Amino acid sequence: MNAALRTTDTYFARLLATVQHNGFLLRTINRREWTEELTLAAVRSEGRALRFIPEPSQAVVRAAVEQDGDALQYVVEQTDEICTAACRQWLGALHHIADDDMRERVIEGLIEAGVLATHPFNKATDAPAYAA
């Protein structure tokens, strides 16, 4: 392997290690150097780094909302599957679902899957005061 390729591989490995440590550091890297692998690593480290990615793939979006449901606020093309994944990670992501009908479908799906049955607020005694 020639020296230029080794240098490129080392450079990319360092970029990858950087975003794996802190996904928000993706914004400091030149966009021409972004790859699918790099953006995936960034959102797996910090889901809300999705906000810096102008046209993320479905894999990047899914990884982002699975890491942090709050990343749903940066998803332009919301689907039932993506919204459900976000809400499984953080139930508060429900308020980021733009379409009311989709929100209802997601809630019904979470109920059917038993996700809400294990939620800490499923008992009135555990619910915050504003939920009463």
N, C-alpha and C. Protein backbone atom coordinates (compact mmCIF):
# COMPACT_ATOMS: atom_id res chain seq x y z
N MET A 1 0.86 -1.18 0.00
CA MET A 1 0.00 0.00 0.00
C MET A 1 0.90 1.24 0.00
N ASN A 2 0.54 2.20 -0.84
CA ASN A 2 1.41 3.38 -0.89
C ASN A 2 1.12 4.33 0.27
N ALA A 3 2.01 5.27 0.48
CA ALA A 3 1.93 6.18 1.63
C ALA A 3 0.69 7.06 1.57
N ALA A 4 0.29 7.48 0.38
CA ALA A 4 -0.89 8.35 0.25
C ALA A 4 -2.15 7.63 0.71
N LEU A 5 -2.29 6.36 0.35
CA LEU A 5 -3.47 5.60 0.78
C LEU A 5 -3.45 5.36 2.28
N ARG A 6 -2.30 5.06 2.83
CA ARG A 6 -2.21 4.88 4.28
C ARG A 6 -2.59 6.16 5.00
N THR A 7 -2.14 7.30 4.48
CA THR A 7 -2.46 8.58 5.09
C THR A 7 -3.96 8.85 5.03
N THR A 8 -4.58 8.56 3.88
CA THR A 8 -6.01 8.75 3.72
C THR A 8 -6.78 7.85 4.68
N ASP A 9 -6.37 6.59 4.77
CA ASP A 9 -7.03 5.66 5.68
C ASP A 9 -6.89 6.12 7.12
N THR A 10 -5.72 6.58 7.49
CA THR A 10 -5.49 7.07 8.85
C THR A 10 -6.33 8.30 9.12
N TYR A 11 -6.39 9.19 8.15
CA TYR A 11 -7.18 10.42 8.29
C TYR A 11 -8.66 10.08 8.50
N PHE A 12 -9.19 9.18 7.65
CA PHE A 12 -10.60 8.80 7.79
C PHE A 12 -10.84 8.11 9.13
N ALA A 13 -9.92 7.28 9.55
CA ALA A 13 -10.06 6.59 10.85
C ALA A 13 -10.13 7.61 11.98
N ARG A 14 -9.36 8.67 11.86
CA ARG A 14 -9.40 9.72 12.89
C ARG A 14 -10.71 10.48 12.86
N LEU A 15 -11.21 10.77 11.65
CA LEU A 15 -12.51 11.43 11.55
C LEU A 15 -13.59 10.55 12.17
N LEU A 16 -13.54 9.27 11.86
CA LEU A 16 -14.52 8.32 12.38
C LEU A 16 -14.46 8.26 13.91
N ALA A 17 -13.27 8.18 14.45
CA ALA A 17 -13.11 8.15 15.91
C ALA A 17 -13.63 9.44 16.54
N THR A 18 -13.44 10.55 15.86
CA THR A 18 -13.91 11.84 16.38
C THR A 18 -15.42 11.86 16.52
N VAL A 19 -16.14 11.48 15.45
CA VAL A 19 -17.61 11.53 15.53
C VAL A 19 -18.18 10.41 16.38
N GLN A 20 -17.44 9.31 16.53
CA GLN A 20 -17.90 8.26 17.44
C GLN A 20 -17.83 8.74 18.88
N HIS A 21 -16.88 9.59 19.16
CA HIS A 21 -16.74 10.16 20.50
C HIS A 21 -17.78 11.24 20.75
N ASN A 22 -18.03 12.09 19.75
CA ASN A 22 -19.00 13.18 19.88
C ASN A 22 -19.59 13.46 18.50
N GLY A 23 -20.80 13.00 18.28
CA GLY A 23 -21.45 13.14 16.99
C GLY A 23 -21.62 14.57 16.53
N PHE A 24 -21.72 15.50 17.48
CA PHE A 24 -21.89 16.91 17.11
C PHE A 24 -20.66 17.46 16.38
N LEU A 25 -19.51 16.80 16.53
CA LEU A 25 -18.30 17.27 15.85
C LEU A 25 -18.36 17.05 14.34
N LEU A 26 -19.40 16.36 13.87
CA LEU A 26 -19.59 16.20 12.43
C LEU A 26 -19.63 17.57 11.75
N ARG A 27 -20.21 18.54 12.42
CA ARG A 27 -20.35 19.87 11.81
C ARG A 27 -19.00 20.55 11.56
N THR A 28 -17.94 20.08 12.19
CA THR A 28 -16.61 20.68 12.00
C THR A 28 -15.84 20.04 10.85
N ILE A 29 -16.41 19.00 10.27
CA ILE A 29 -15.75 18.27 9.18
C ILE A 29 -16.32 18.74 7.84
N ASN A 30 -15.46 18.98 6.88
CA ASN A 30 -15.87 19.42 5.55
C ASN A 30 -16.88 18.42 4.97
N ARG A 31 -18.00 18.92 4.46
CA ARG A 31 -19.06 18.05 3.95
C ARG A 31 -18.61 17.16 2.80
N ARG A 32 -17.61 17.58 2.06
CA ARG A 32 -17.10 16.74 0.97
C ARG A 32 -16.48 15.46 1.50
N GLU A 33 -16.12 15.44 2.78
CA GLU A 33 -15.49 14.27 3.38
C GLU A 33 -16.50 13.35 4.07
N TRP A 34 -17.76 13.77 4.11
CA TRP A 34 -18.79 12.96 4.75
C TRP A 34 -19.09 11.73 3.90
N THR A 35 -19.21 10.61 4.58
CA THR A 35 -19.63 9.37 3.93
C THR A 35 -20.81 8.83 4.73
N GLU A 36 -21.45 7.83 4.18
CA GLU A 36 -22.54 7.18 4.91
C GLU A 36 -22.04 6.63 6.25
N GLU A 37 -20.86 6.03 6.21
CA GLU A 37 -20.27 5.47 7.43
C GLU A 37 -20.02 6.55 8.48
N LEU A 38 -19.53 7.69 8.04
CA LEU A 38 -19.22 8.78 8.96
C LEU A 38 -20.50 9.37 9.57
N THR A 39 -21.52 9.60 8.74
CA THR A 39 -22.77 10.17 9.27
C THR A 39 -23.48 9.16 10.18
N LEU A 40 -23.42 7.87 9.83
CA LEU A 40 -24.00 6.85 10.71
C LEU A 40 -23.31 6.84 12.07
N ALA A 41 -22.00 6.91 12.06
CA ALA A 41 -21.24 6.93 13.32
C ALA A 41 -21.61 8.15 14.15
N ALA A 42 -21.79 9.28 13.49
CA ALA A 42 -22.13 10.52 14.21
C ALA A 42 -23.48 10.41 14.90
N VAL A 43 -24.51 9.92 14.18
CA VAL A 43 -25.84 9.85 14.80
C VAL A 43 -25.96 8.70 15.78
N ARG A 44 -25.12 7.69 15.64
CA ARG A 44 -25.13 6.61 16.65
C ARG A 44 -24.54 7.10 17.96
N SER A 45 -23.67 8.08 17.86
CA SER A 45 -23.07 8.69 19.05
C SER A 45 -24.00 9.75 19.64
N GLU A 46 -24.61 10.55 18.78
CA GLU A 46 -25.50 11.63 19.21
C GLU A 46 -26.57 11.80 18.14
N GLY A 47 -27.76 11.27 18.43
CA GLY A 47 -28.84 11.27 17.45
C GLY A 47 -29.20 12.64 16.91
N ARG A 48 -29.10 13.65 17.77
CA ARG A 48 -29.48 14.99 17.33
C ARG A 48 -28.46 15.62 16.37
N ALA A 49 -27.36 14.93 16.09
CA ALA A 49 -26.43 15.39 15.04
C ALA A 49 -27.11 15.31 13.68
N LEU A 50 -28.25 14.65 13.62
CA LEU A 50 -29.03 14.56 12.39
C LEU A 50 -29.32 15.95 11.82
N ARG A 51 -29.42 16.94 12.68
CA ARG A 51 -29.74 18.30 12.22
C ARG A 51 -28.71 18.86 11.25
N PHE A 52 -27.50 18.35 11.26
CA PHE A 52 -26.44 18.87 10.40
C PHE A 52 -26.39 18.18 9.03
N ILE A 53 -27.16 17.11 8.88
CA ILE A 53 -27.09 16.29 7.66
C ILE A 53 -28.24 16.69 6.74
N PRO A 54 -27.95 17.36 5.62
CA PRO A 54 -29.02 17.90 4.78
C PRO A 54 -29.93 16.86 4.14
N GLU A 55 -29.40 15.76 3.66
CA GLU A 55 -30.22 14.73 3.01
C GLU A 55 -29.81 13.36 3.53
N PRO A 56 -30.21 13.02 4.75
CA PRO A 56 -29.79 11.75 5.34
C PRO A 56 -30.49 10.56 4.69
N SER A 57 -29.81 9.44 4.67
CA SER A 57 -30.44 8.20 4.19
C SER A 57 -31.40 7.70 5.26
N GLN A 58 -32.25 6.76 4.88
CA GLN A 58 -33.19 6.18 5.85
C GLN A 58 -32.44 5.48 6.98
N ALA A 59 -31.30 4.87 6.66
CA ALA A 59 -30.51 4.19 7.69
C ALA A 59 -29.98 5.19 8.71
N VAL A 60 -29.54 6.35 8.24
CA VAL A 60 -29.04 7.38 9.14
C VAL A 60 -30.17 7.92 10.01
N VAL A 61 -31.33 8.17 9.40
CA VAL A 61 -32.48 8.67 10.15
C VAL A 61 -32.89 7.67 11.22
N ARG A 62 -32.97 6.41 10.85
CA ARG A 62 -33.38 5.37 11.81
C ARG A 62 -32.39 5.28 12.96
N ALA A 63 -31.10 5.28 12.66
CA ALA A 63 -30.08 5.21 13.71
C ALA A 63 -30.17 6.42 14.63
N ALA A 64 -30.46 7.58 14.06
CA ALA A 64 -30.55 8.80 14.87
C ALA A 64 -31.70 8.73 15.86
N VAL A 65 -32.89 8.33 15.40
CA VAL A 65 -34.04 8.30 16.31
C VAL A 65 -33.96 7.14 17.30
N GLU A 66 -33.25 6.07 16.93
CA GLU A 66 -33.05 4.98 17.89
C GLU A 66 -32.07 5.37 18.98
N GLN A 67 -31.14 6.26 18.66
CA GLN A 67 -30.19 6.73 19.67
C GLN A 67 -30.84 7.78 20.56
N ASP A 68 -31.63 8.68 19.95
CA ASP A 68 -32.28 9.76 20.70
C ASP A 68 -33.59 10.10 20.00
N GLY A 69 -34.70 9.73 20.62
CA GLY A 69 -36.01 9.99 20.03
C GLY A 69 -36.25 11.45 19.72
N ASP A 70 -35.57 12.34 20.44
CA ASP A 70 -35.74 13.77 20.21
C ASP A 70 -35.22 14.18 18.83
N ALA A 71 -34.42 13.34 18.19
CA ALA A 71 -33.93 13.63 16.84
C ALA A 71 -35.07 13.65 15.83
N LEU A 72 -36.24 13.13 16.20
CA LEU A 72 -37.39 13.13 15.29
C LEU A 72 -37.73 14.55 14.83
N GLN A 73 -37.43 15.54 15.63
CA GLN A 73 -37.73 16.92 15.24
C GLN A 73 -36.97 17.36 13.99
N TYR A 74 -35.90 16.65 13.64
CA TYR A 74 -35.10 17.00 12.46
C TYR A 74 -35.41 16.11 11.25
N VAL A 75 -36.39 15.23 11.39
CA VAL A 75 -36.75 14.32 10.30
C VAL A 75 -37.79 15.01 9.42
N VAL A 76 -37.44 15.23 8.16
CA VAL A 76 -38.34 15.91 7.23
C VAL A 76 -39.43 14.97 6.74
N GLU A 77 -39.05 13.78 6.31
CA GLU A 77 -40.01 12.81 5.80
C GLU A 77 -40.30 11.76 6.87
N GLN A 78 -41.29 12.04 7.70
CA GLN A 78 -41.63 11.14 8.79
C GLN A 78 -42.48 9.98 8.27
N THR A 79 -42.17 8.79 8.76
CA THR A 79 -42.97 7.60 8.45
C THR A 79 -43.43 7.00 9.77
N ASP A 80 -44.43 6.13 9.70
CA ASP A 80 -44.90 5.46 10.92
C ASP A 80 -43.76 4.72 11.59
N GLU A 81 -42.94 4.04 10.78
CA GLU A 81 -41.84 3.24 11.33
C GLU A 81 -40.81 4.11 12.06
N ILE A 82 -40.42 5.21 11.44
CA ILE A 82 -39.43 6.11 12.05
C ILE A 82 -40.01 6.73 13.32
N CYS A 83 -41.25 7.18 13.25
CA CYS A 83 -41.88 7.80 14.42
C CYS A 83 -42.04 6.81 15.57
N THR A 84 -42.39 5.58 15.24
CA THR A 84 -42.52 4.55 16.28
C THR A 84 -41.17 4.27 16.93
N ALA A 85 -40.13 4.17 16.12
CA ALA A 85 -38.78 3.94 16.67
C ALA A 85 -38.38 5.07 17.61
N ALA A 86 -38.68 6.30 17.21
CA ALA A 86 -38.35 7.46 18.04
C ALA A 86 -39.12 7.41 19.37
N CYS A 87 -40.40 7.08 19.29
CA CYS A 87 -41.23 7.05 20.50
C CYS A 87 -40.90 5.88 21.42
N ARG A 88 -40.40 4.79 20.86
CA ARG A 88 -39.94 3.68 21.70
C ARG A 88 -38.72 4.11 22.51
N GLN A 89 -37.89 4.96 21.91
CA GLN A 89 -36.69 5.43 22.60
C GLN A 89 -37.04 6.51 23.62
N TRP A 90 -37.94 7.43 23.22
CA TRP A 90 -38.33 8.54 24.10
C TRP A 90 -39.78 8.88 23.80
N LEU A 91 -40.67 8.61 24.72
CA LEU A 91 -42.09 8.81 24.49
C LEU A 91 -42.43 10.26 24.19
N GLY A 92 -41.63 11.18 24.67
CA GLY A 92 -41.85 12.60 24.40
C GLY A 92 -41.74 12.96 22.93
N ALA A 93 -41.19 12.06 22.13
CA ALA A 93 -41.07 12.32 20.69
C ALA A 93 -42.44 12.41 20.02
N LEU A 94 -43.48 11.97 20.73
CA LEU A 94 -44.83 12.07 20.17
C LEU A 94 -45.16 13.50 19.74
N HIS A 95 -44.68 14.48 20.48
CA HIS A 95 -45.02 15.86 20.12
C HIS A 95 -44.25 16.36 18.90
N HIS A 96 -43.30 15.58 18.39
CA HIS A 96 -42.58 15.96 17.17
C HIS A 96 -43.23 15.36 15.91
N ILE A 97 -44.25 14.53 16.10
CA ILE A 97 -44.92 13.93 14.94
C ILE A 97 -45.85 14.99 14.35
N ALA A 98 -45.58 15.35 13.10
CA ALA A 98 -46.29 16.46 12.47
C ALA A 98 -47.74 16.13 12.10
N ASP A 99 -48.00 14.91 11.70
CA ASP A 99 -49.32 14.52 11.23
C ASP A 99 -50.14 13.90 12.36
N ASP A 100 -51.32 14.45 12.62
CA ASP A 100 -52.17 13.96 13.71
C ASP A 100 -52.59 12.50 13.52
N ASP A 101 -52.93 12.13 12.28
CA ASP A 101 -53.33 10.74 12.01
C ASP A 101 -52.18 9.78 12.26
N MET A 102 -50.98 10.19 11.86
CA MET A 102 -49.81 9.35 12.10
C MET A 102 -49.56 9.21 13.60
N ARG A 103 -49.72 10.30 14.33
CA ARG A 103 -49.52 10.25 15.78
C ARG A 103 -50.47 9.23 16.42
N GLU A 104 -51.73 9.24 15.97
CA GLU A 104 -52.71 8.28 16.49
C GLU A 104 -52.30 6.85 16.16
N ARG A 105 -51.84 6.61 14.93
CA ARG A 105 -51.41 5.26 14.54
C ARG A 105 -50.21 4.81 15.38
N VAL A 106 -49.29 5.72 15.62
CA VAL A 106 -48.11 5.38 16.43
C VAL A 106 -48.53 5.04 17.85
N ILE A 107 -49.41 5.83 18.43
CA ILE A 107 -49.89 5.57 19.80
C ILE A 107 -50.57 4.21 19.86
N GLU A 108 -51.44 3.93 18.88
CA GLU A 108 -52.13 2.63 18.85
C GLU A 108 -51.12 1.49 18.74
N GLY A 109 -50.10 1.67 17.90
CA GLY A 109 -49.07 0.64 17.76
C GLY A 109 -48.29 0.42 19.04
N LEU A 110 -47.99 1.50 19.74
CA LEU A 110 -47.27 1.38 21.02
C LEU A 110 -48.12 0.67 22.07
N ILE A 111 -49.42 0.95 22.05
CA ILE A 111 -50.33 0.28 22.99
C ILE A 111 -50.38 -1.22 22.68
N GLU A 112 -50.57 -1.55 21.39
CA GLU A 112 -50.64 -2.95 20.98
C GLU A 112 -49.36 -3.71 21.29
N ALA A 113 -48.23 -3.04 21.16
CA ALA A 113 -46.93 -3.68 21.42
C ALA A 113 -46.63 -3.78 22.91
N GLY A 114 -47.46 -3.16 23.73
CA GLY A 114 -47.26 -3.21 25.17
C GLY A 114 -46.21 -2.25 25.69
N VAL A 115 -45.77 -1.34 24.84
CA VAL A 115 -44.73 -0.38 25.24
C VAL A 115 -45.24 0.53 26.35
N LEU A 116 -46.47 0.98 26.22
CA LEU A 116 -47.01 1.91 27.22
C LEU A 116 -47.31 1.22 28.54
N ALA A 117 -47.52 -0.09 28.51
CA ALA A 117 -47.80 -0.82 29.74
C ALA A 117 -46.60 -0.83 30.67
N THR A 118 -45.41 -0.72 30.10
CA THR A 118 -44.20 -0.74 30.92
C THR A 118 -43.65 0.66 31.19
N HIS A 119 -44.35 1.66 30.68
CA HIS A 119 -43.90 3.04 30.89
C HIS A 119 -44.10 3.42 32.36
N PRO A 120 -43.17 4.17 32.94
CA PRO A 120 -43.28 4.53 34.36
C PRO A 120 -44.56 5.28 34.71
N PHE A 121 -45.17 5.95 33.74
CA PHE A 121 -46.36 6.73 34.03
C PHE A 121 -47.66 5.96 33.77
N ASN A 122 -47.56 4.63 33.65
CA ASN A 122 -48.77 3.88 33.36
C ASN A 122 -49.69 3.79 34.58
N LYS A 123 -49.18 4.14 35.74
CA LYS A 123 -50.00 4.19 36.95
C LYS A 123 -50.18 5.65 37.34
N ALA A 124 -51.38 5.99 37.76
CA ALA A 124 -51.66 7.39 38.12
C ALA A 124 -50.75 7.87 39.24
N THR A 125 -50.35 6.96 40.12
CA THR A 125 -49.50 7.38 41.25
C THR A 125 -48.11 7.77 40.80
N ASP A 126 -47.67 7.26 39.64
CA ASP A 126 -46.34 7.57 39.13
C ASP A 126 -46.33 8.75 38.17
N ALA A 127 -47.50 9.18 37.75
CA ALA A 127 -47.58 10.24 36.75
C ALA A 127 -47.23 11.60 37.35
N PRO A 128 -46.66 12.47 36.54
CA PRO A 128 -46.39 13.82 37.05
C PRO A 128 -47.70 14.56 37.29
N ALA A 129 -47.66 15.59 38.08
CA ALA A 129 -48.87 16.32 38.46
C ALA A 129 -49.63 16.86 37.25
N TYR A 130 -48.92 17.32 36.22
CA TYR A 130 -49.60 17.90 35.07
C TYR A 130 -50.36 16.87 34.27
N ALA A 131 -50.08 15.58 34.46
CA ALA A 131 -50.75 14.53 33.69
C ALA A 131 -52.07 14.12 34.32
N ALA A 132 -52.34 14.58 35.50
CA ALA A 132 -53.57 14.17 36.19
C ALA A 132 -54.80 14.85 35.66
